[in-house]
């Protein structure tokens, strides 16, 4: 095999070795937009425009409950709004949570790269409860352990002011600010979000029909299904530099240098 043919063969092999499809994209993909406009984390639409530059996903369930998930980020944090537009009750036991799978590798049980950030609306409306996966247990709910991370902000509130979805009646709205340093740089993360309404004994989740499990009085960590059922949050953070890509660039550089040297020699 001559050198040009060998080079082409090696390049093709490297391209085929790339894992270009993330494990959880099949469950749905949520786009995240970059923004320089930092929202006020107070559990409501502080202004009518603070979330208009975020991605928007509508959430619904079989009992006609409706909500909206909005997500955006800057270079340091991910910002999340979950507007439960039809949760008009001010129950002490309303819950909300967002989950991240740092490596987007799924699995049956939450692993150490999986995090759950949650708020118990009526009990600790200004406190985020944080759990990390352990990979042990018989069910997903058994594999969470409480951890403490600094600079994570979250707030539950009850308002309608400036709200584009329900501007007349007060209802539950939640906001999070999660530092990117806990998630790392990647092209995407596994992601799951839920909000539970105690009064109607129902919940909203993304991805839709992911299999979240909740009934009244259950704790936060009982809700998330297996990470293999989560969707993917796709963003434009600086991606991790693949060793495969480095090898490909190295081969191309060597090939270019060889061709240049040949031309010089012929001259």
C-alpha atoms as a PDB file:
ATOM      1  CA  UNK A   1       0.000   0.000   0.000  1.00  0.00           C
ATOM      2  CA  UNK A   2       1.476   3.386  -1.037  1.00  0.00           C
ATOM      3  CA  UNK A   3       1.813   6.226   1.465  1.00  0.00           C
ATOM      4  CA  UNK A   4      -1.159   8.359   0.295  1.00  0.00           C
ATOM      5  CA  UNK A   5      -3.477   5.344   0.401  1.00  0.00           C
ATOM      6  CA  UNK A   6      -2.205   4.388   3.845  1.00  0.00           C
ATOM      7  CA  UNK A   7      -2.816   7.907   5.114  1.00  0.00           C
ATOM      8  CA  UNK A   8      -6.378   7.930   3.792  1.00  0.00           C
ATOM      9  CA  UNK A   9      -6.999   4.536   5.416  1.00  0.00           C
ATOM     10  CA  UNK A  10      -5.773   5.772   8.802  1.00  0.00           C
ATOM     11  CA  UNK A  11      -7.893   8.915   8.615  1.00  0.00           C
ATOM     12  CA  UNK A  12     -11.013   6.880   7.798  1.00  0.00           C
ATOM     13  CA  UNK A  13     -10.350   4.542  10.728  1.00  0.00           C
ATOM     14  CA  UNK A  14     -10.057   7.495  13.086  1.00  0.00           C
ATOM     15  CA  UNK A  15     -13.259   9.045  11.818  1.00  0.00           C
ATOM     16  CA  UNK A  16     -15.111   5.777  12.318  1.00  0.00           C
ATOM     17  CA  UNK A  17     -13.786   5.559  15.875  1.00  0.00           C
ATOM     18  CA  UNK A  18     -15.388   8.858  16.928  1.00  0.00           C
ATOM     19  CA  UNK A  19     -18.363   8.495  19.219  1.00  0.00           C
ATOM     20  CA  UNK A  20     -20.414  11.284  17.655  1.00  0.00           C
ATOM     21  CA  UNK A  21     -23.788  10.295  19.110  1.00  0.00           C
ATOM     22  CA  UNK A  22     -24.188  10.879  22.835  1.00  0.00           C
ATOM     23  CA  UNK A  23     -25.815   8.067  24.744  1.00  0.00           C
ATOM     24  CA  UNK A  24     -28.997   9.852  25.756  1.00  0.00           C
ATOM     25  CA  UNK A  25     -29.898  11.901  22.679  1.00  0.00           C
ATOM     26  CA  UNK A  26     -32.508   9.244  21.825  1.00  0.00           C
ATOM     27  CA  UNK A  27     -34.559  10.431  24.818  1.00  0.00           C
ATOM     28  CA  UNK A  28     -34.688  14.030  23.639  1.00  0.00           C
ATOM     29  CA  UNK A  29     -32.304  16.936  23.367  1.00  0.00           C
ATOM     30  CA  UNK A  30     -32.616  20.311  25.049  1.00  0.00           C
ATOM     31  CA  UNK A  31     -30.688  23.185  23.505  1.00  0.00           C
ATOM     32  CA  UNK A  32     -29.071  25.724  25.816  1.00  0.00           C
ATOM     33  CA  UNK A  33     -28.388  29.269  24.656  1.00  0.00           C
ATOM     34  CA  UNK A  34     -25.503  31.512  25.674  1.00  0.00           C
ATOM     35  CA  UNK A  35     -26.499  34.783  27.333  1.00  0.00           C
ATOM     36  CA  UNK A  36     -24.810  37.719  29.025  1.00  0.00           C
ATOM     37  CA  UNK A  37     -28.061  38.626  30.797  1.00  0.00           C
ATOM     38  CA  UNK A  38     -27.898  37.094  34.284  1.00  0.00           C
ATOM     39  CA  UNK A  39     -31.370  36.517  35.796  1.00  0.00           C
ATOM     40  CA  UNK A  40     -32.211  37.375  39.382  1.00  0.00           C
ATOM     41  CA  UNK A  41     -32.676  34.090  41.242  1.00  0.00           C
ATOM     42  CA  UNK A  42     -35.824  34.900  43.205  1.00  0.00           C
ATOM     43  CA  UNK A  43     -38.286  32.311  41.892  1.00  0.00           C
ATOM     44  CA  UNK A  44     -40.261  34.640  39.651  1.00  0.00           C
ATOM     45  CA  UNK A  45     -40.094  36.764  36.504  1.00  0.00           C
ATOM     46  CA  UNK A  46     -38.319  39.745  38.055  1.00  0.00           C
ATOM     47  CA  UNK A  47     -38.612  41.488  34.693  1.00  0.00           C
ATOM     48  CA  UNK A  48     -40.608  40.542  31.620  1.00  0.00           C
ATOM     49  CA  UNK A  49     -37.427  39.978  29.598  1.00  0.00           C
ATOM     50  CA  UNK A  50     -34.955  38.240  31.924  1.00  0.00           C
ATOM     51  CA  UNK A  51     -35.712  34.802  30.432  1.00  0.00           C
ATOM     52  CA  UNK A  52     -36.688  35.697  26.871  1.00  0.00           C
ATOM     53  CA  UNK A  53     -33.176  34.883  25.607  1.00  0.00           C
ATOM     54  CA  UNK A  54     -33.294  31.335  27.044  1.00  0.00           C
ATOM     55  CA  UNK A  55     -34.371  28.145  25.299  1.00  0.00           C
ATOM     56  CA  UNK A  56     -38.025  27.228  25.871  1.00  0.00           C
ATOM     57  CA  UNK A  57     -39.594  23.785  26.295  1.00  0.00           C
ATOM     58  CA  UNK A  58     -43.264  23.191  27.074  1.00  0.00           C
ATOM     59  CA  UNK A  59     -44.125  20.533  29.672  1.00  0.00           C
ATOM     60  CA  UNK A  60     -47.500  18.778  29.901  1.00  0.00           C
ATOM     61  CA  UNK A  61     -49.027  15.729  31.549  1.00  0.00           C
ATOM     62  CA  UNK A  62     -52.178  13.630  31.213  1.00  0.00           C
ATOM     63  CA  UNK A  63     -54.216  15.712  33.697  1.00  0.00           C
ATOM     64  CA  UNK A  64     -53.779  18.958  31.749  1.00  0.00           C
ATOM     65  CA  UNK A  65     -51.084  20.454  33.951  1.00  0.00           C
ATOM     66  CA  UNK A  66     -48.737  22.749  32.048  1.00  0.00           C
ATOM     67  CA  UNK A  67     -45.324  24.242  32.661  1.00  0.00           C
ATOM     68  CA  UNK A  68     -42.392  25.742  30.814  1.00  0.00           C
ATOM     69  CA  UNK A  69     -38.702  24.977  31.123  1.00  0.00           C
ATOM     70  CA  UNK A  70     -36.237  27.685  30.140  1.00  0.00           C
ATOM     71  CA  UNK A  71     -32.447  27.265  30.189  1.00  0.00           C
ATOM     72  CA  UNK A  72     -29.472  29.472  29.348  1.00  0.00           C
ATOM     73  CA  UNK A  73     -25.850  29.838  30.416  1.00  0.00           C
ATOM     74  CA  UNK A  74     -22.882  32.144  30.487  1.00  0.00           C
ATOM     75  CA  UNK A  75     -19.216  31.235  30.914  1.00  0.00           C
ATOM     76  CA  UNK A  76     -19.599  30.391  34.609  1.00  0.00           C
ATOM     77  CA  UNK A  77     -23.156  29.202  35.354  1.00  0.00           C
ATOM     78  CA  UNK A  78     -26.212  27.431  33.991  1.00  0.00           C
ATOM     79  CA  UNK A  79     -29.517  29.190  34.720  1.00  0.00           C
ATOM     80  CA  UNK A  80     -32.794  27.264  34.821  1.00  0.00           C
ATOM     81  CA  UNK A  81     -36.398  28.444  35.126  1.00  0.00           C
ATOM     82  CA  UNK A  82     -39.275  26.025  35.656  1.00  0.00           C
ATOM     83  CA  UNK A  83     -42.582  27.890  35.445  1.00  0.00           C
ATOM     84  CA  UNK A  84     -45.401  25.588  36.655  1.00  0.00           C
ATOM     85  CA  UNK A  85     -48.147  27.740  35.141  1.00  0.00           C
ATOM     86  CA  UNK A  86     -51.084  25.626  36.372  1.00  0.00           C
ATOM     87  CA  UNK A  87     -49.905  24.939  39.931  1.00  0.00           C
ATOM     88  CA  UNK A  88     -52.048  27.516  41.733  1.00  0.00           C
ATOM     89  CA  UNK A  89     -51.830  25.901  45.171  1.00  0.00           C
ATOM     90  CA  UNK A  90     -49.288  27.102  47.679  1.00  0.00           C
ATOM     91  CA  UNK A  91     -48.561  23.716  49.158  1.00  0.00           C
ATOM     92  CA  UNK A  92     -45.765  23.136  51.634  1.00  0.00           C
ATOM     93  CA  UNK A  93     -44.875  19.902  49.870  1.00  0.00           C
ATOM     94  CA  UNK A  94     -44.430  21.110  46.282  1.00  0.00           C
ATOM     95  CA  UNK A  95     -41.077  19.949  44.903  1.00  0.00           C
ATOM     96  CA  UNK A  96     -38.787  20.747  41.987  1.00  0.00           C
ATOM     97  CA  UNK A  97     -35.548  19.178  40.839  1.00  0.00           C
ATOM     98  CA  UNK A  98     -33.005  19.138  38.020  1.00  0.00           C
ATOM     99  CA  UNK A  99     -30.528  16.323  37.404  1.00  0.00           C
ATOM    100  CA  UNK A 100     -27.249  16.306  35.486  1.00  0.00           C
ATOM    101  CA  UNK A 101     -25.248  13.365  34.162  1.00  0.00           C
ATOM    102  CA  UNK A 102     -21.820  14.930  33.616  1.00  0.00           C
ATOM    103  CA  UNK A 103     -20.568  12.249  31.228  1.00  0.00           C
ATOM    104  CA  UNK A 104     -23.956  11.627  29.583  1.00  0.00           C
ATOM    105  CA  UNK A 105     -23.375   7.887  29.962  1.00  0.00           C
ATOM    106  CA  UNK A 106     -26.764   6.815  31.309  1.00  0.00           C
ATOM    107  CA  UNK A 107     -26.960   3.669  33.391  1.00  0.00           C
ATOM    108  CA  UNK A 108     -29.575   2.161  35.680  1.00  0.00           C
ATOM    109  CA  UNK A 109     -28.341   3.743  38.930  1.00  0.00           C
ATOM    110  CA  UNK A 110     -27.019   7.281  39.478  1.00  0.00           C
ATOM    111  CA  UNK A 111     -23.205   7.257  39.494  1.00  0.00           C
ATOM    112  CA  UNK A 112     -20.695   9.683  41.004  1.00  0.00           C
ATOM    113  CA  UNK A 113     -20.916  11.912  37.907  1.00  0.00           C
ATOM    114  CA  UNK A 114     -24.679  12.365  38.440  1.00  0.00           C
ATOM    115  CA  UNK A 115     -26.149  15.232  40.487  1.00  0.00           C
ATOM    116  CA  UNK A 116     -29.630  16.152  41.706  1.00  0.00           C
ATOM    117  CA  UNK A 117     -30.399  19.771  42.661  1.00  0.00           C
ATOM    118  CA  UNK A 118     -33.786  20.212  44.316  1.00  0.00           C
ATOM    119  CA  UNK A 119     -36.004  22.598  46.261  1.00  0.00           C
ATOM    120  CA  UNK A 120     -38.799  21.814  48.704  1.00  0.00           C
ATOM    121  CA  UNK A 121     -40.967  24.813  47.889  1.00  0.00           C
ATOM    122  CA  UNK A 122     -42.854  25.349  51.125  1.00  0.00           C
ATOM    123  CA  UNK A 123     -40.193  24.211  53.563  1.00  0.00           C
ATOM    124  CA  UNK A 124     -36.865  25.519  52.287  1.00  0.00           C
ATOM    125  CA  UNK A 125     -37.798  27.835  49.393  1.00  0.00           C
ATOM    126  CA  UNK A 126     -34.384  29.518  49.353  1.00  0.00           C
ATOM    127  CA  UNK A 127     -32.264  26.416  49.914  1.00  0.00           C
ATOM    128  CA  UNK A 128     -31.086  23.941  47.292  1.00  0.00           C
ATOM    129  CA  UNK A 129     -30.773  20.337  48.439  1.00  0.00           C
ATOM    130  CA  UNK A 130     -27.977  18.606  46.527  1.00  0.00           C
ATOM    131  CA  UNK A 131     -27.460  14.883  46.025  1.00  0.00           C
ATOM    132  CA  UNK A 132     -24.739  12.915  44.249  1.00  0.00           C
ATOM    133  CA  UNK A 133     -24.985   9.415  42.832  1.00  0.00           C
ATOM    134  CA  UNK A 134     -23.223   6.498  44.498  1.00  0.00           C
ATOM    135  CA  UNK A 135     -23.854   3.702  42.002  1.00  0.00           C
ATOM    136  CA  UNK A 136     -25.096   1.395  44.762  1.00  0.00           C
ATOM    137  CA  UNK A 137     -28.540   0.137  45.700  1.00  0.00           C
ATOM    138  CA  UNK A 138     -31.400  -1.748  44.123  1.00  0.00           C
ATOM    139  CA  UNK A 139     -33.290   1.243  42.694  1.00  0.00           C
ATOM    140  CA  UNK A 140     -32.322   4.753  41.535  1.00  0.00           C
ATOM    141  CA  UNK A 141     -33.692   6.303  44.742  1.00  0.00           C
ATOM    142  CA  UNK A 142     -31.255   4.177  46.795  1.00  0.00           C
ATOM    143  CA  UNK A 143     -28.215   5.540  44.958  1.00  0.00           C
ATOM    144  CA  UNK A 144     -28.336   9.190  46.053  1.00  0.00           C
ATOM    145  CA  UNK A 145     -26.377  10.719  48.928  1.00  0.00           C
ATOM    146  CA  UNK A 146     -26.550  14.306  50.172  1.00  0.00           C
ATOM    147  CA  UNK A 147     -23.549  16.527  49.411  1.00  0.00           C
ATOM    148  CA  UNK A 148     -22.709  20.202  49.920  1.00  0.00           C
ATOM    149  CA  UNK A 149     -21.556  22.403  47.030  1.00  0.00           C
ATOM    150  CA  UNK A 150     -20.844  26.117  47.293  1.00  0.00           C
ATOM    151  CA  UNK A 151     -22.384  28.878  45.176  1.00  0.00           C
ATOM    152  CA  UNK A 152     -25.407  26.872  44.026  1.00  0.00           C
ATOM    153  CA  UNK A 153     -28.503  29.083  44.176  1.00  0.00           C
ATOM    154  CA  UNK A 154     -32.176  28.212  43.897  1.00  0.00           C
ATOM    155  CA  UNK A 155     -35.495  29.706  44.844  1.00  0.00           C
ATOM    156  CA  UNK A 156     -39.166  28.727  44.849  1.00  0.00           C
ATOM    157  CA  UNK A 157     -41.802  31.437  44.709  1.00  0.00           C
ATOM    158  CA  UNK A 158     -45.504  32.046  44.164  1.00  0.00           C
ATOM    159  CA  UNK A 159     -46.306  34.883  41.803  1.00  0.00           C
ATOM    160  CA  UNK A 160     -47.744  35.983  38.455  1.00  0.00           C
ATOM    161  CA  UNK A 161     -45.969  39.330  37.994  1.00  0.00           C
ATOM    162  CA  UNK A 162     -44.349  39.730  34.549  1.00  0.00           C
ATOM    163  CA  UNK A 163     -45.171  36.092  33.761  1.00  0.00           C
ATOM    164  CA  UNK A 164     -45.871  35.481  30.041  1.00  0.00           C
ATOM    165  CA  UNK A 165     -47.606  32.138  30.648  1.00  0.00           C
ATOM    166  CA  UNK A 166     -49.992  32.995  33.492  1.00  0.00           C
ATOM    167  CA  UNK A 167     -50.130  36.708  34.169  1.00  0.00           C
ATOM    168  CA  UNK A 168     -53.320  36.731  36.260  1.00  0.00           C
ATOM    169  CA  UNK A 169     -53.154  34.066  38.973  1.00  0.00           C
ATOM    170  CA  UNK A 170     -50.253  33.381  41.323  1.00  0.00           C
ATOM    171  CA  UNK A 171     -48.594  30.025  40.712  1.00  0.00           C
ATOM    172  CA  UNK A 172     -45.398  28.123  41.445  1.00  0.00           C
ATOM    173  CA  UNK A 173     -42.203  29.203  39.706  1.00  0.00           C
ATOM    174  CA  UNK A 174     -38.662  27.973  40.375  1.00  0.00           C
ATOM    175  CA  UNK A 175     -35.200  29.226  39.431  1.00  0.00           C
ATOM    176  CA  UNK A 176     -31.698  27.725  39.689  1.00  0.00           C
ATOM    177  CA  UNK A 177     -28.163  28.999  39.215  1.00  0.00           C
ATOM    178  CA  UNK A 178     -25.637  26.147  39.019  1.00  0.00           C
ATOM    179  CA  UNK A 179     -21.889  26.808  38.594  1.00  0.00           C
ATOM    180  CA  UNK A 180     -20.376  25.102  35.554  1.00  0.00           C
ATOM    181  CA  UNK A 181     -17.316  24.130  37.600  1.00  0.00           C
ATOM    182  CA  UNK A 182     -19.283  21.228  39.081  1.00  0.00           C
ATOM    183  CA  UNK A 183     -20.278  19.879  35.663  1.00  0.00           C
ATOM    184  CA  UNK A 184     -17.075  20.280  33.659  1.00  0.00           C
ATOM    185  CA  UNK A 185     -16.620  21.221  29.999  1.00  0.00           C
ATOM    186  CA  UNK A 186     -18.472  18.986  27.554  1.00  0.00           C
ATOM    187  CA  UNK A 187     -20.573  19.067  24.403  1.00  0.00           C
ATOM    188  CA  UNK A 188     -23.586  17.984  26.421  1.00  0.00           C
ATOM    189  CA  UNK A 189     -24.847  16.496  29.667  1.00  0.00           C
ATOM    190  CA  UNK A 190     -27.516  14.016  30.558  1.00  0.00           C
ATOM    191  CA  UNK A 191     -30.412  16.056  31.930  1.00  0.00           C
ATOM    192  CA  UNK A 192     -33.720  15.494  33.706  1.00  0.00           C
ATOM    193  CA  UNK A 193     -36.119  18.022  35.259  1.00  0.00           C
ATOM    194  CA  UNK A 194     -39.303  17.640  37.301  1.00  0.00           C
ATOM    195  CA  UNK A 195     -41.829  19.668  39.285  1.00  0.00           C
ATOM    196  CA  UNK A 196     -44.405  18.121  41.635  1.00  0.00           C
ATOM    197  CA  UNK A 197     -47.747  19.645  42.650  1.00  0.00           C
ATOM    198  CA  UNK A 198     -48.922  18.304  46.002  1.00  0.00           C
ATOM    199  CA  UNK A 199     -52.497  19.586  45.625  1.00  0.00           C
ATOM    200  CA  UNK A 200     -53.205  17.717  42.374  1.00  0.00           C
ATOM    201  CA  UNK A 201     -50.845  14.839  43.228  1.00  0.00           C
ATOM    202  CA  UNK A 202     -49.266  15.155  39.789  1.00  0.00           C
ATOM    203  CA  UNK A 203     -45.938  16.093  38.267  1.00  0.00           C
ATOM    204  CA  UNK A 204     -44.332  17.490  35.151  1.00  0.00           C
ATOM    205  CA  UNK A 205     -41.070  16.119  33.819  1.00  0.00           C
ATOM    206  CA  UNK A 206     -38.582  16.413  30.999  1.00  0.00           C
ATOM    207  CA  UNK A 207     -38.084  14.323  28.975  1.00  0.00           C
ATOM    208  CA  UNK A 208     -41.822  13.696  28.763  1.00  0.00           C
ATOM    209  CA  UNK A 209     -42.779  10.232  30.040  1.00  0.00           C
ATOM    210  CA  UNK A 210     -39.264   9.572  31.325  1.00  0.00           C
ATOM    211  CA  UNK A 211     -40.678   7.515  34.188  1.00  0.00           C
ATOM    212  CA  UNK A 212     -40.285   9.790  37.193  1.00  0.00           C
ATOM    213  CA  UNK A 213     -41.991   8.400  40.278  1.00  0.00           C
ATOM    214  CA  UNK A 214     -43.738  10.667  42.772  1.00  0.00           C
ATOM    215  CA  UNK A 215     -46.666  10.543  45.154  1.00  0.00           C
ATOM    216  CA  UNK A 216     -47.490  12.893  48.007  1.00  0.00           C
ATOM    217  CA  UNK A 217     -44.989  13.276  50.841  1.00  0.00           C
ATOM    218  CA  UNK A 218     -42.153  11.491  49.030  1.00  0.00           C
ATOM    219  CA  UNK A 219     -38.663  13.042  49.200  1.00  0.00           C
ATOM    220  CA  UNK A 220     -36.825  14.612  46.280  1.00  0.00           C
ATOM    221  CA  UNK A 221     -34.532  11.698  45.559  1.00  0.00           C
ATOM    222  CA  UNK A 222     -37.466   9.321  45.047  1.00  0.00           C
ATOM    223  CA  UNK A 223     -38.517  11.103  41.866  1.00  0.00           C
ATOM    224  CA  UNK A 224     -35.780  10.781  39.202  1.00  0.00           C
ATOM    225  CA  UNK A 225     -35.883   7.670  37.005  1.00  0.00           C
ATOM    226  CA  UNK A 226     -32.756   5.801  35.908  1.00  0.00           C
ATOM    227  CA  UNK A 227     -30.205   8.074  34.201  1.00  0.00           C
ATOM    228  CA  UNK A 228     -30.633   5.979  31.059  1.00  0.00           C
ATOM    229  CA  UNK A 229     -34.091   7.587  30.743  1.00  0.00           C
ATOM    230  CA  UNK A 230     -32.824  11.156  30.972  1.00  0.00           C
ATOM    231  CA  UNK A 231     -32.455  13.401  27.941  1.00  0.00           C
ATOM    232  CA  UNK A 232     -29.467  15.444  26.808  1.00  0.00           C
ATOM    233  CA  UNK A 233     -28.729  19.097  27.466  1.00  0.00           C
ATOM    234  CA  UNK A 234     -26.716  20.251  24.461  1.00  0.00           C
ATOM    235  CA  UNK A 235     -24.742  23.448  24.862  1.00  0.00           C
ATOM    236  CA  UNK A 236     -21.934  25.420  23.285  1.00  0.00           C
ATOM    237  CA  UNK A 237     -19.446  25.282  26.119  1.00  0.00           C
ATOM    238  CA  UNK A 238     -15.843  24.660  25.102  1.00  0.00           C
ATOM    239  CA  UNK A 239     -15.840  20.896  24.436  1.00  0.00           C
ATOM    240  CA  UNK A 240     -13.334  18.499  25.864  1.00  0.00           C
ATOM    241  CA  UNK A 241     -10.501  17.982  23.374  1.00  0.00           C
ATOM    242  CA  UNK A 242     -10.689  14.404  22.167  1.00  0.00           C
ATOM    243  CA  UNK A 243      -7.494  12.370  21.887  1.00  0.00           C
ATOM    244  CA  UNK A 244      -8.878  10.968  18.626  1.00  0.00           C
ATOM    245  CA  UNK A 245      -9.152  14.462  17.184  1.00  0.00           C
ATOM    246  CA  UNK A 246      -5.609  15.204  18.322  1.00  0.00           C
ATOM    247  CA  UNK A 247      -4.343  12.065  16.579  1.00  0.00           C
ATOM    248  CA  UNK A 248      -6.192  12.983  13.397  1.00  0.00           C
ATOM    249  CA  UNK A 249      -4.731  16.492  13.376  1.00  0.00           C
ATOM    250  CA  UNK A 250      -1.271  15.066  14.002  1.00  0.00           C
ATOM    251  CA  UNK A 251      -1.550  12.714  11.017  1.00  0.00           C
ATOM    252  CA  UNK A 252      -2.784  15.505   8.776  1.00  0.00           C
ATOM    253  CA  UNK A 253       0.084  17.731   9.917  1.00  0.00           C
ATOM    254  CA  UNK A 254       2.645  15.004   9.154  1.00  0.00           C
ATOM    255  CA  UNK A 255       1.073  14.424   5.741  1.00  0.00           C
ATOM    256  CA  UNK A 256       1.187  18.138   4.926  1.00  0.00           C
ATOM    257  CA  UNK A 257       4.826  18.378   6.018  1.00  0.00           C
ATOM    258  CA  UNK A 258       5.719  15.346   3.881  1.00  0.00           C
ATOM    259  CA  UNK A 259       4.093  16.825   0.791  1.00  0.00           C
ATOM    260  CA  UNK A 260       5.871  20.154   1.317  1.00  0.00           C
ATOM    261  CA  UNK A 261       9.240  18.424   1.709  1.00  0.00           C
ATOM    262  CA  UNK A 262       8.658  16.412  -1.479  1.00  0.00           C
ATOM    263  CA  UNK A 263       7.939  19.574  -3.451  1.00  0.00           C
ATOM    264  CA  UNK A 264      11.082  21.232  -2.092  1.00  0.00           C
ATOM    265  CA  UNK A 265      13.154  18.158  -2.989  1.00  0.00           C
ATOM    266  CA  UNK A 266      11.841  18.149  -6.574  1.00  0.00           C
ATOM    267  CA  UNK A 267      12.732  21.800  -6.960  1.00  0.00           C
END
